Structure formats: C-alpha cells, structure tokens
C-alpha cells in the first residue's frame, strides 16, 4: 500500500476496507474521537448513515445526550431491510 491507502491503514487498522467502502457510499469519515480521546458523536452519526448534523447540530443537545439519542436510534438502511424482509408479499387475488 502506498500514499493515502497506507495513511488510512495506519489510522483505521483492520477496519480500513470497511471505512473506505462506507466513505465511497456516503462522505469522508469524521474524526472518530474528540480531543480528549472520547467517542465523537459525529462519527457515530456518520457510521449510522445519517445526514451530517441530524443529531449533532440540535441546539443545546450535549455530547452525552447526542450519544444517547444515536445509541437509541435506528440505522435507516437496517430498518428498510427489516421492513422489506418482514412485509407480507403483495396480495394477489384471482380475477
């Protein structure tokens, strides 16, 4: 690996392929931790496939509250797949 790939591999380790795929599907990954080494809500928001700021730009919502909201939230892609699999087939009546 060379250039940007080796930097990504140094940063993400064994998760580099998954992070790279998700970046191609969405947007560049935000920093995973804040300046104190704690999990960054913007990173969780990104992992979940939510639009930027969906939770993190709610005025007055603290970091712990953001993480709680995200942790109690639903990943839209998983919800859509669950509904697709669980929905009954379209009803077809004999004419």
PDB file of N, CA and C in Angstrom:
ATOM      1  N   UNK A   1       0.841  -1.183   0.000  1.00  0.00           N
ATOM      2  CA  UNK A   1       0.000   0.000   0.000  1.00  0.00           C
ATOM      3  C   UNK A   1       0.880   1.237   0.000  1.00  0.00           C
ATOM      4  N   UNK A   2       0.420   2.269  -0.662  1.00  0.00           N
ATOM      5  CA  UNK A   2       1.196   3.482  -0.682  1.00  0.00           C
ATOM      6  C   UNK A   2       0.308   4.691  -0.562  1.00  0.00           C
ATOM      7  N   UNK A   3       0.901   5.813  -0.206  1.00  0.00           N
ATOM      8  CA  UNK A   3       0.192   7.083  -0.177  1.00  0.00           C
ATOM      9  C   UNK A   3      -0.976   7.099   0.783  1.00  0.00           C
ATOM     10  N   UNK A   4      -2.115   7.536   0.258  1.00  0.00           N
ATOM     11  CA  UNK A   4      -3.315   7.705   1.089  1.00  0.00           C
ATOM     12  C   UNK A   4      -3.781   6.384   1.690  1.00  0.00           C
ATOM     13  N   UNK A   5      -3.576   5.288   0.967  1.00  0.00           N
ATOM     14  CA  UNK A   5      -4.016   3.995   1.498  1.00  0.00           C
ATOM     15  C   UNK A   5      -3.243   3.614   2.753  1.00  0.00           C
ATOM     16  N   UNK A   6      -1.935   3.849   2.762  1.00  0.00           N
ATOM     17  CA  UNK A   6      -1.157   3.485   3.946  1.00  0.00           C
ATOM     18  C   UNK A   6      -1.506   4.386   5.124  1.00  0.00           C
ATOM     19  N   UNK A   7      -1.800   5.658   4.870  1.00  0.00           N
ATOM     20  CA  UNK A   7      -2.231   6.555   5.932  1.00  0.00           C
ATOM     21  C   UNK A   7      -3.550   6.056   6.495  1.00  0.00           C
ATOM     22  N   UNK A   8      -4.481   5.676   5.615  1.00  0.00           N
ATOM     23  CA  UNK A   8      -5.773   5.159   6.068  1.00  0.00           C
ATOM     24  C   UNK A   8      -5.574   3.879   6.864  1.00  0.00           C
ATOM     25  N   UNK A   9      -4.682   3.002   6.404  1.00  0.00           N
ATOM     26  CA  UNK A   9      -4.430   1.751   7.111  1.00  0.00           C
ATOM     27  C   UNK A   9      -3.839   2.018   8.495  1.00  0.00           C
ATOM     28  N   UNK A  10      -2.971   3.017   8.598  1.00  0.00           N
ATOM     29  CA  UNK A  10      -2.405   3.376   9.902  1.00  0.00           C
ATOM     30  C   UNK A  10      -3.494   3.902  10.830  1.00  0.00           C
ATOM     31  N   UNK A  11      -4.428   4.627  10.280  1.00  0.00           N
ATOM     32  CA  UNK A  11      -5.480   5.247  11.085  1.00  0.00           C
ATOM     33  C   UNK A  11      -6.557   4.258  11.482  1.00  0.00           C
ATOM     34  N   UNK A  12      -7.015   3.439  10.538  1.00  0.00           N
ATOM     35  CA  UNK A  12      -8.174   2.580  10.770  1.00  0.00           C
ATOM     36  C   UNK A  12      -7.828   1.119  11.005  1.00  0.00           C
ATOM     37  N   UNK A  13      -6.582   0.731  10.762  1.00  0.00           N
ATOM     38  CA  UNK A  13      -6.172  -0.651  11.000  1.00  0.00           C
ATOM     39  C   UNK A  13      -6.996  -1.650  10.200  1.00  0.00           C
ATOM     40  N   UNK A  14      -7.456  -2.700  10.854  1.00  0.00           N
ATOM     41  CA  UNK A  14      -8.193  -3.762  10.164  1.00  0.00           C
ATOM     42  C   UNK A  14      -9.527  -3.274   9.613  1.00  0.00           C
ATOM     43  N   UNK A  15      -9.977  -2.097  10.054  1.00  0.00           N
ATOM     44  CA  UNK A  15     -11.265  -1.568   9.591  1.00  0.00           C
ATOM     45  C   UNK A  15     -11.146  -0.722   8.325  1.00  0.00           C
ATOM     46  N   UNK A  16      -9.928  -0.563   7.815  1.00  0.00           N
ATOM     47  CA  UNK A  16      -9.703   0.271   6.631  1.00  0.00           C
ATOM     48  C   UNK A  16     -10.616  -0.087   5.465  1.00  0.00           C
ATOM     49  N   UNK A  17     -10.756  -1.363   5.079  1.00  0.00           N
ATOM     50  CA  UNK A  17     -11.631  -1.664   3.943  1.00  0.00           C
ATOM     51  C   UNK A  17     -13.087  -1.243   4.186  1.00  0.00           C
ATOM     52  N   UNK A  18     -13.590  -1.480   5.388  1.00  0.00           N
ATOM     53  CA  UNK A  18     -14.981  -1.120   5.691  1.00  0.00           C
ATOM     54  C   UNK A  18     -15.162   0.395   5.706  1.00  0.00           C
ATOM     55  N   UNK A  19     -14.227   1.103   6.317  1.00  0.00           N
ATOM     56  CA  UNK A  19     -14.308   2.566   6.366  1.00  0.00           C
ATOM     57  C   UNK A  19     -14.238   3.127   4.954  1.00  0.00           C
ATOM     58  N   UNK A  20     -13.351   2.597   4.136  1.00  0.00           N
ATOM     59  CA  UNK A  20     -13.205   3.073   2.757  1.00  0.00           C
ATOM     60  C   UNK A  20     -14.488   2.847   1.958  1.00  0.00           C
ATOM     61  N   UNK A  21     -15.095   1.665   2.116  1.00  0.00           N
ATOM     62  CA  UNK A  21     -16.363   1.387   1.404  1.00  0.00           C
ATOM     63  C   UNK A  21     -17.445   2.367   1.832  1.00  0.00           C
ATOM     64  N   UNK A  22     -17.556   2.601   3.143  1.00  0.00           N
ATOM     65  CA  UNK A  22     -18.615   3.483   3.637  1.00  0.00           C
ATOM     66  C   UNK A  22     -18.360   4.932   3.217  1.00  0.00           C
ATOM     67  N   UNK A  23     -17.095   5.341   3.151  1.00  0.00           N
ATOM     68  CA  UNK A  23     -16.780   6.689   2.666  1.00  0.00           C
ATOM     69  C   UNK A  23     -17.185   6.846   1.207  1.00  0.00           C
ATOM     70  N   UNK A  24     -16.951   5.817   0.400  1.00  0.00           N
ATOM     71  CA  UNK A  24     -17.353   5.892  -1.007  1.00  0.00           C
ATOM     72  C   UNK A  24     -18.870   5.972  -1.131  1.00  0.00           C
ATOM     73  N   UNK A  25     -19.592   5.298  -0.245  1.00  0.00           N
ATOM     74  CA  UNK A  25     -21.050   5.286  -0.304  1.00  0.00           C
ATOM     75  C   UNK A  25     -21.672   6.545   0.300  1.00  0.00           C
ATOM     76  N   UNK A  26     -20.943   7.209   1.204  1.00  0.00           N
ATOM     77  CA  UNK A  26     -21.525   8.342   1.905  1.00  0.00           C
ATOM     78  C   UNK A  26     -20.688   9.604   1.722  1.00  0.00           C
ATOM     79  N   UNK A  27     -19.785   9.839   2.645  1.00  0.00           N
ATOM     80  CA  UNK A  27     -18.943  11.035   2.642  1.00  0.00           C
ATOM     81  C   UNK A  27     -17.688  10.712   3.457  1.00  0.00           C
ATOM     82  N   UNK A  28     -16.689  11.580   3.449  1.00  0.00           N
ATOM     83  CA  UNK A  28     -15.485  11.305   4.240  1.00  0.00           C
ATOM     84  C   UNK A  28     -15.819  11.106   5.722  1.00  0.00           C
ATOM     85  N   UNK A  29     -15.117  10.187   6.333  1.00  0.00           N
ATOM     86  CA  UNK A  29     -15.340   9.894   7.746  1.00  0.00           C
ATOM     87  C   UNK A  29     -14.857  11.044   8.613  1.00  0.00           C
ATOM     88  N   UNK A  30     -15.690  11.456   9.567  1.00  0.00           N
ATOM     89  CA  UNK A  30     -15.211  12.447  10.530  1.00  0.00           C
ATOM     90  C   UNK A  30     -14.253  11.790  11.522  1.00  0.00           C
ATOM     91  N   UNK A  31     -13.612  12.588  12.340  1.00  0.00           N
ATOM     92  CA  UNK A  31     -12.721  12.045  13.357  1.00  0.00           C
ATOM     93  C   UNK A  31     -13.518  11.127  14.290  1.00  0.00           C
ATOM     94  N   UNK A  32     -12.989   9.954  14.598  1.00  0.00           N
ATOM     95  CA  UNK A  32     -13.728   9.024  15.456  1.00  0.00           C
ATOM     96  C   UNK A  32     -13.749   9.424  16.929  1.00  0.00           C
ATOM     97  N   UNK A  33     -12.777  10.228  17.342  1.00  0.00           N
ATOM     98  CA  UNK A  33     -12.711  10.647  18.745  1.00  0.00           C
ATOM     99  C   UNK A  33     -12.516  12.156  18.828  1.00  0.00           C
ATOM    100  N   UNK A  34     -12.846  12.697  19.991  1.00  0.00           N
ATOM    101  CA  UNK A  34     -12.625  14.123  20.199  1.00  0.00           C
ATOM    102  C   UNK A  34     -11.222  14.354  20.748  1.00  0.00           C
ATOM    103  N   UNK A  35     -10.914  15.580  21.105  1.00  0.00           N
ATOM    104  CA  UNK A  35      -9.562  15.920  21.571  1.00  0.00           C
ATOM    105  C   UNK A  35      -9.202  15.238  22.891  1.00  0.00           C
ATOM    106  N   UNK A  36     -10.204  14.722  23.595  1.00  0.00           N
ATOM    107  CA  UNK A  36      -9.954  14.023  24.861  1.00  0.00           C
ATOM    108  C   UNK A  36      -9.935  12.504  24.680  1.00  0.00           C
ATOM    109  N   UNK A  37     -10.027  12.046  23.426  1.00  0.00           N
ATOM    110  CA  UNK A  37      -9.987  10.614  23.153  1.00  0.00           C
ATOM    111  C   UNK A  37     -11.323   9.902  23.339  1.00  0.00           C
ATOM    112  N   UNK A  38     -12.394  10.671  23.465  1.00  0.00           N
ATOM    113  CA  UNK A  38     -13.724  10.088  23.645  1.00  0.00           C
ATOM    114  C   UNK A  38     -14.414   9.908  22.295  1.00  0.00           C
ATOM    115  N   UNK A  39     -15.328   8.970  22.228  1.00  0.00           N
ATOM    116  CA  UNK A  39     -16.088   8.740  21.011  1.00  0.00           C
ATOM    117  C   UNK A  39     -16.768  10.028  20.560  1.00  0.00           C
ATOM    118  N   UNK A  40     -16.638  10.342  19.276  1.00  0.00           N
ATOM    119  CA  UNK A  40     -17.223  11.558  18.717  1.00  0.00           C
ATOM    120  C   UNK A  40     -18.617  11.275  18.166  1.00  0.00           C
ATOM    121  N   UNK A  41     -19.626  12.011  18.604  1.00  0.00           N
ATOM    122  CA  UNK A  41     -20.984  11.810  18.087  1.00  0.00           C
ATOM    123  C   UNK A  41     -21.080  11.945  16.564  1.00  0.00           C
ATOM    124  N   UNK A  42     -20.305  12.848  15.976  1.00  0.00           N
ATOM    125  CA  UNK A  42     -20.357  12.997  14.503  1.00  0.00           C
ATOM    126  C   UNK A  42     -19.913  11.706  13.801  1.00  0.00           C
ATOM    127  N   UNK A  43     -18.968  10.992  14.412  1.00  0.00           N
ATOM    128  CA  UNK A  43     -18.531   9.724  13.832  1.00  0.00           C
ATOM    129  C   UNK A  43     -19.652   8.689  13.916  1.00  0.00           C
ATOM    130  N   UNK A  44     -20.330   8.628  15.049  1.00  0.00           N
ATOM    131  CA  UNK A  44     -21.453   7.694  15.208  1.00  0.00           C
ATOM    132  C   UNK A  44     -22.553   8.034  14.202  1.00  0.00           C
ATOM    133  N   UNK A  45     -22.840   9.300  14.063  1.00  0.00           N
ATOM    134  CA  UNK A  45     -23.838   9.775  13.099  1.00  0.00           C
ATOM    135  C   UNK A  45     -23.467   9.309  11.691  1.00  0.00           C
ATOM    136  N   UNK A  46     -22.178   9.430  11.352  1.00  0.00           N
ATOM    137  CA  UNK A  46     -21.688   9.008  10.031  1.00  0.00           C
ATOM    138  C   UNK A  46     -21.811   7.497   9.851  1.00  0.00           C
ATOM    139  N   UNK A  47     -21.392   6.733  10.873  1.00  0.00           N
ATOM    140  CA  UNK A  47     -21.467   5.275  10.790  1.00  0.00           C
ATOM    141  C   UNK A  47     -22.904   4.821  10.545  1.00  0.00           C
ATOM    142  N   UNK A  48     -23.849   5.510  11.181  1.00  0.00           N
ATOM    143  CA  UNK A  48     -25.253   5.135  11.059  1.00  0.00           C
ATOM    144  C   UNK A  48     -25.856   5.526   9.716  1.00  0.00           C
ATOM    145  N   UNK A  49     -25.122   6.309   8.930  1.00  0.00           N
ATOM    146  CA  UNK A  49     -25.632   6.718   7.625  1.00  0.00           C
ATOM    147  C   UNK A  49     -26.610   7.876   7.703  1.00  0.00           C
ATOM    148  N   UNK A  50     -26.576   8.605   8.805  1.00  0.00           N
ATOM    149  CA  UNK A  50     -27.462   9.755   8.964  1.00  0.00           C
ATOM    150  C   UNK A  50     -26.858  10.979   8.301  1.00  0.00           C
ATOM    151  N   UNK A  51     -27.690  11.906   7.875  1.00  0.00           N
ATOM    152  CA  UNK A  51     -27.155  13.137   7.288  1.00  0.00           C
ATOM    153  C   UNK A  51     -26.302  13.894   8.305  1.00  0.00           C
ATOM    154  N   UNK A  52     -25.296  14.637   7.839  1.00  0.00           N
ATOM    155  CA  UNK A  52     -24.467  15.411   8.766  1.00  0.00           C
ATOM    156  C   UNK A  52     -25.333  16.367   9.587  1.00  0.00           C
ATOM    157  N   UNK A  53     -25.145  16.343  10.897  1.00  0.00           N
ATOM    158  CA  UNK A  53     -25.887  17.242  11.764  1.00  0.00           C
ATOM    159  C   UNK A  53     -27.266  16.758  12.181  1.00  0.00           C
ATOM    160  N   UNK A  54     -27.671  15.591  11.716  1.00  0.00           N
ATOM    161  CA  UNK A  54     -29.011  15.070  12.028  1.00  0.00           C
ATOM    162  C   UNK A  54     -29.263  15.090  13.537  1.00  0.00           C
ATOM    163  N   UNK A  55     -28.265  14.713  14.307  1.00  0.00           N
ATOM    164  CA  UNK A  55     -28.341  14.737  15.764  1.00  0.00           C
ATOM    165  C   UNK A  55     -27.367  15.764  16.335  1.00  0.00           C
ATOM    166  N   UNK A  56     -26.203  15.866  15.722  1.00  0.00           N
ATOM    167  CA  UNK A  56     -25.127  16.671  16.306  1.00  0.00           C
ATOM    168  C   UNK A  56     -25.318  18.174  16.179  1.00  0.00           C
ATOM    169  N   UNK A  57     -26.247  18.615  15.380  1.00  0.00           N
ATOM    170  CA  UNK A  57     -26.477  20.053  15.246  1.00  0.00           C
ATOM    171  C   UNK A  57     -27.786  20.497  15.889  1.00  0.00           C
ATOM    172  N   UNK A  58     -28.340  19.669  16.774  1.00  0.00           N
ATOM    173  CA  UNK A  58     -29.537  20.070  17.510  1.00  0.00           C
ATOM    174  C   UNK A  58     -29.092  21.035  18.607  1.00  0.00           C
ATOM    175  N   UNK A  59     -29.599  22.260  18.592  1.00  0.00           N
ATOM    176  CA  UNK A  59     -29.153  23.243  19.586  1.00  0.00           C
ATOM    177  C   UNK A  59     -29.385  22.765  21.023  1.00  0.00           C
ATOM    178  N   UNK A  60     -28.357  22.941  21.845  1.00  0.00           N
ATOM    179  CA  UNK A  60     -28.467  22.636  23.256  1.00  0.00           C
ATOM    180  C   UNK A  60     -28.327  21.173  23.627  1.00  0.00           C
ATOM    181  N   UNK A  61     -28.136  20.289  22.665  1.00  0.00           N
ATOM    182  CA  UNK A  61     -28.009  18.863  22.960  1.00  0.00           C
ATOM    183  C   UNK A  61     -26.550  18.560  23.307  1.00  0.00           C
ATOM    184  N   UNK A  62     -26.302  18.135  24.525  1.00  0.00           N
ATOM    185  CA  UNK A  62     -24.945  17.857  24.985  1.00  0.00           C
ATOM    186  C   UNK A  62     -24.368  16.619  24.299  1.00  0.00           C
ATOM    187  N   UNK A  63     -23.073  16.442  24.393  1.00  0.00           N
ATOM    188  CA  UNK A  63     -22.419  15.257  23.830  1.00  0.00           C
ATOM    189  C   UNK A  63     -23.025  13.970  24.379  1.00  0.00           C
ATOM    190  N   UNK A  64     -23.197  13.831  25.715  1.00  0.00           N
ATOM    191  CA  UNK A  64     -23.818  12.599  26.217  1.00  0.00           C
ATOM    192  C   UNK A  64     -25.244  12.400  25.684  1.00  0.00           C
ATOM    193  N   UNK A  65     -25.990  13.486  25.564  1.00  0.00           N
ATOM    194  CA  UNK A  65     -27.354  13.375  25.039  1.00  0.00           C
ATOM    195  C   UNK A  65     -27.332  12.981  23.562  1.00  0.00           C
ATOM    196  N   UNK A  66     -26.366  13.502  22.819  1.00  0.00           N
ATOM    197  CA  UNK A  66     -26.237  13.118  21.408  1.00  0.00           C
ATOM    198  C   UNK A  66     -25.949  11.622  21.294  1.00  0.00           C
ATOM    199  N   UNK A  67     -25.008  11.136  22.099  1.00  0.00           N
ATOM    200  CA  UNK A  67     -24.666   9.709  22.053  1.00  0.00           C
ATOM    201  C   UNK A  67     -25.840   8.843  22.495  1.00  0.00           C
ATOM    202  N   UNK A  68     -26.606   9.312  23.470  1.00  0.00           N
ATOM    203  CA  UNK A  68     -27.795   8.567  23.894  1.00  0.00           C
ATOM    204  C   UNK A  68     -28.809   8.501  22.762  1.00  0.00           C
ATOM    205  N   UNK A  69     -29.058   9.635  22.126  1.00  0.00           N
ATOM    206  CA  UNK A  69     -30.009   9.665  21.015  1.00  0.00           C
ATOM    207  C   UNK A  69     -29.554   8.754  19.879  1.00  0.00           C
ATOM    208  N   UNK A  70     -28.271   8.810  19.565  1.00  0.00           N
ATOM    209  CA  UNK A  70     -27.745   7.962  18.497  1.00  0.00           C
ATOM    210  C   UNK A  70     -27.803   6.491  18.891  1.00  0.00           C
ATOM    211  N   UNK A  71     -27.465   6.202  20.140  1.00  0.00           N
ATOM    212  CA  UNK A  71     -27.490   4.818  20.604  1.00  0.00           C
ATOM    213  C   UNK A  71     -28.881   4.227  20.653  1.00  0.00           C
ATOM    214  N   UNK A  72     -29.873   5.071  20.863  1.00  0.00           N
ATOM    215  CA  UNK A  72     -31.261   4.612  20.882  1.00  0.00           C
ATOM    216  C   UNK A  72     -31.913   4.709  19.511  1.00  0.00           C
ATOM    217  N   UNK A  73     -31.156   5.195  18.536  1.00  0.00           N
ATOM    218  CA  UNK A  73     -31.701   5.402  17.199  1.00  0.00           C
ATOM    219  C   UNK A  73     -31.680   4.138  16.355  1.00  0.00           C
ATOM    220  N   UNK A  74     -32.178   4.301  15.169  1.00  0.00           N
ATOM    221  CA  UNK A  74     -32.263   3.206  14.207  1.00  0.00           C
ATOM    222  C   UNK A  74     -31.390   3.543  13.003  1.00  0.00           C
ATOM    223  N   UNK A  75     -30.645   2.561  12.535  1.00  0.00           N
ATOM    224  CA  UNK A  75     -29.874   2.732  11.304  1.00  0.00           C
ATOM    225  C   UNK A  75     -30.867   2.597  10.147  1.00  0.00           C
ATOM    226  N   UNK A  76     -31.081   3.672   9.376  1.00  0.00           N
ATOM    227  CA  UNK A  76     -32.110   3.639   8.340  1.00  0.00           C
ATOM    228  C   UNK A  76     -31.994   2.472   7.365  1.00  0.00           C
ATOM    229  N   UNK A  77     -30.771   2.124   6.954  1.00  0.00           N
ATOM    230  CA  UNK A  77     -30.605   1.032   5.995  1.00  0.00           C
ATOM    231  C   UNK A  77     -31.042  -0.299   6.603  1.00  0.00           C
ATOM    232  N   UNK A  78     -30.769  -0.514   7.880  1.00  0.00           N
ATOM    233  CA  UNK A  78     -31.181  -1.755   8.530  1.00  0.00           C
ATOM    234  C   UNK A  78     -32.693  -1.798   8.699  1.00  0.00           C
ATOM    235  N   UNK A  79     -33.285  -0.673   9.045  1.00  0.00           N
ATOM    236  CA  UNK A  79     -34.740  -0.622   9.201  1.00  0.00           C
ATOM    237  C   UNK A  79     -35.429  -0.921   7.871  1.00  0.00           C
ATOM    238  N   UNK A  80     -34.931  -0.339   6.798  1.00  0.00           N
ATOM    239  CA  UNK A  80     -35.527  -0.576   5.481  1.00  0.00           C
ATOM    240  C   UNK A  80     -35.429  -2.055   5.090  1.00  0.00           C
ATOM    241  N   UNK A  81     -34.290  -2.666   5.353  1.00  0.00           N
ATOM    242  CA  UNK A  81     -34.119  -4.087   5.032  1.00  0.00           C
ATOM    243  C   UNK A  81     -35.028  -4.954   5.895  1.00  0.00           C
ATOM    244  N   UNK A  82     -35.157  -4.621   7.172  1.00  0.00           N
ATOM    245  CA  UNK A  82     -36.045  -5.386   8.053  1.00  0.00           C
ATOM    246  C   UNK A  82     -37.484  -5.309   7.556  1.00  0.00           C
ATOM    247  N   UNK A  83     -37.919  -4.121   7.194  1.00  0.00           N
ATOM    248  CA  UNK A  83     -39.285  -3.975   6.684  1.00  0.00           C
ATOM    249  C   UNK A  83     -39.469  -4.747   5.384  1.00  0.00           C
ATOM    250  N   UNK A  84     -38.473  -4.711   4.532  1.00  0.00           N
ATOM    251  CA  UNK A  84     -38.557  -5.442   3.260  1.00  0.00           C
ATOM    252  C   UNK A  84     -38.714  -6.934   3.520  1.00  0.00           C
ATOM    253  N   UNK A  85     -37.941  -7.458   4.477  1.00  0.00           N
ATOM    254  CA  UNK A  85     -37.985  -8.896   4.759  1.00  0.00           C
ATOM    255  C   UNK A  85     -39.227  -9.314   5.528  1.00  0.00           C
ATOM    256  N   UNK A  86     -39.737  -8.439   6.358  1.00  0.00           N
ATOM    257  CA  UNK A  86     -40.861  -8.804   7.209  1.00  0.00           C
ATOM    258  C   UNK A  86     -42.222  -8.502   6.586  1.00  0.00           C
ATOM    259  N   UNK A  87     -42.247  -7.621   5.605  1.00  0.00           N
ATOM    260  CA  UNK A  87     -43.530  -7.261   4.999  1.00  0.00           C
ATOM    261  C   UNK A  87     -44.120  -8.450   4.266  1.00  0.00           C
ATOM    262  N   UNK A  88     -45.422  -8.649   4.404  1.00  0.00           N
ATOM    263  CA  UNK A  88     -46.041  -9.760   3.674  1.00  0.00           C
ATOM    264  C   UNK A  88     -45.990  -9.484   2.175  1.00  0.00           C
ATOM    265  N   UNK A  89     -45.947 -10.551   1.378  1.00  0.00           N
ATOM    266  CA  UNK A  89     -45.943 -10.328  -0.070  1.00  0.00           C
ATOM    267  C   UNK A  89     -47.228  -9.617  -0.497  1.00  0.00           C
ATOM    268  N   UNK A  90     -47.138  -8.922  -1.591  1.00  0.00           N
ATOM    269  CA  UNK A  90     -48.321  -8.217  -2.098  1.00  0.00           C
ATOM    270  C   UNK A  90     -49.448  -9.221  -2.310  1.00  0.00           C
ATOM    271  N   UNK A  91     -50.621  -8.832  -1.918  1.00  0.00           N
ATOM    272  CA  UNK A  91     -51.793  -9.694  -2.026  1.00  0.00           C
ATOM    273  C   UNK A  91     -52.212  -9.768  -3.494  1.00  0.00           C
ATOM    274  N   UNK A  92     -52.367 -10.981  -3.983  1.00  0.00           N
ATOM    275  CA  UNK A  92     -52.784 -11.156  -5.380  1.00  0.00           C
ATOM    276  C   UNK A  92     -54.067 -11.977  -5.383  1.00  0.00           C
ATOM    277  N   UNK A  93     -55.129 -11.385  -5.868  1.00  0.00           N
ATOM    278  CA  UNK A  93     -56.425 -12.038  -5.924  1.00  0.00           C
ATOM    279  C   UNK A  93     -56.645 -12.607  -7.323  1.00  0.00           C
ATOM    280  N   UNK A  94     -57.254 -13.761  -7.355  1.00  0.00           N
ATOM    281  CA  UNK A  94     -57.606 -14.345  -8.652  1.00  0.00           C
ATOM    282  C   UNK A  94     -58.717 -13.534  -9.288  1.00  0.00           C
ATOM    283  N   UNK A  95     -58.575 -13.293 -10.538  1.00  0.00           N
ATOM    284  CA  UNK A  95     -59.577 -12.470 -11.232  1.00  0.00           C
ATOM    285  C   UNK A  95     -60.812 -13.256 -11.584  1.00  0.00           C
TER     286      UNK A  95
END
